[in-house]
């Protein structure tokens, strides 16, 4: 299985989109929106901001098949 390393995060407050490289072996819990400065946090039940606001689930979730 090929793991995708990039995801586009979309801020739920201002709609700003930002392409980000995801860490392969960790979950990113916080991300500051470059548009409005909002601090994005995972939604309940998600492990990281990529799983909540990204176009692609984080690598650990991709590997586990949960995403």
Foldseek 3Di string as FASTA:
>chain_A
DDFDQWWWFADPPPRDTDIDGADQPDAAAWDQDPPPRDIDGADPPADHRCVRGIPHHHNVCVVVVND
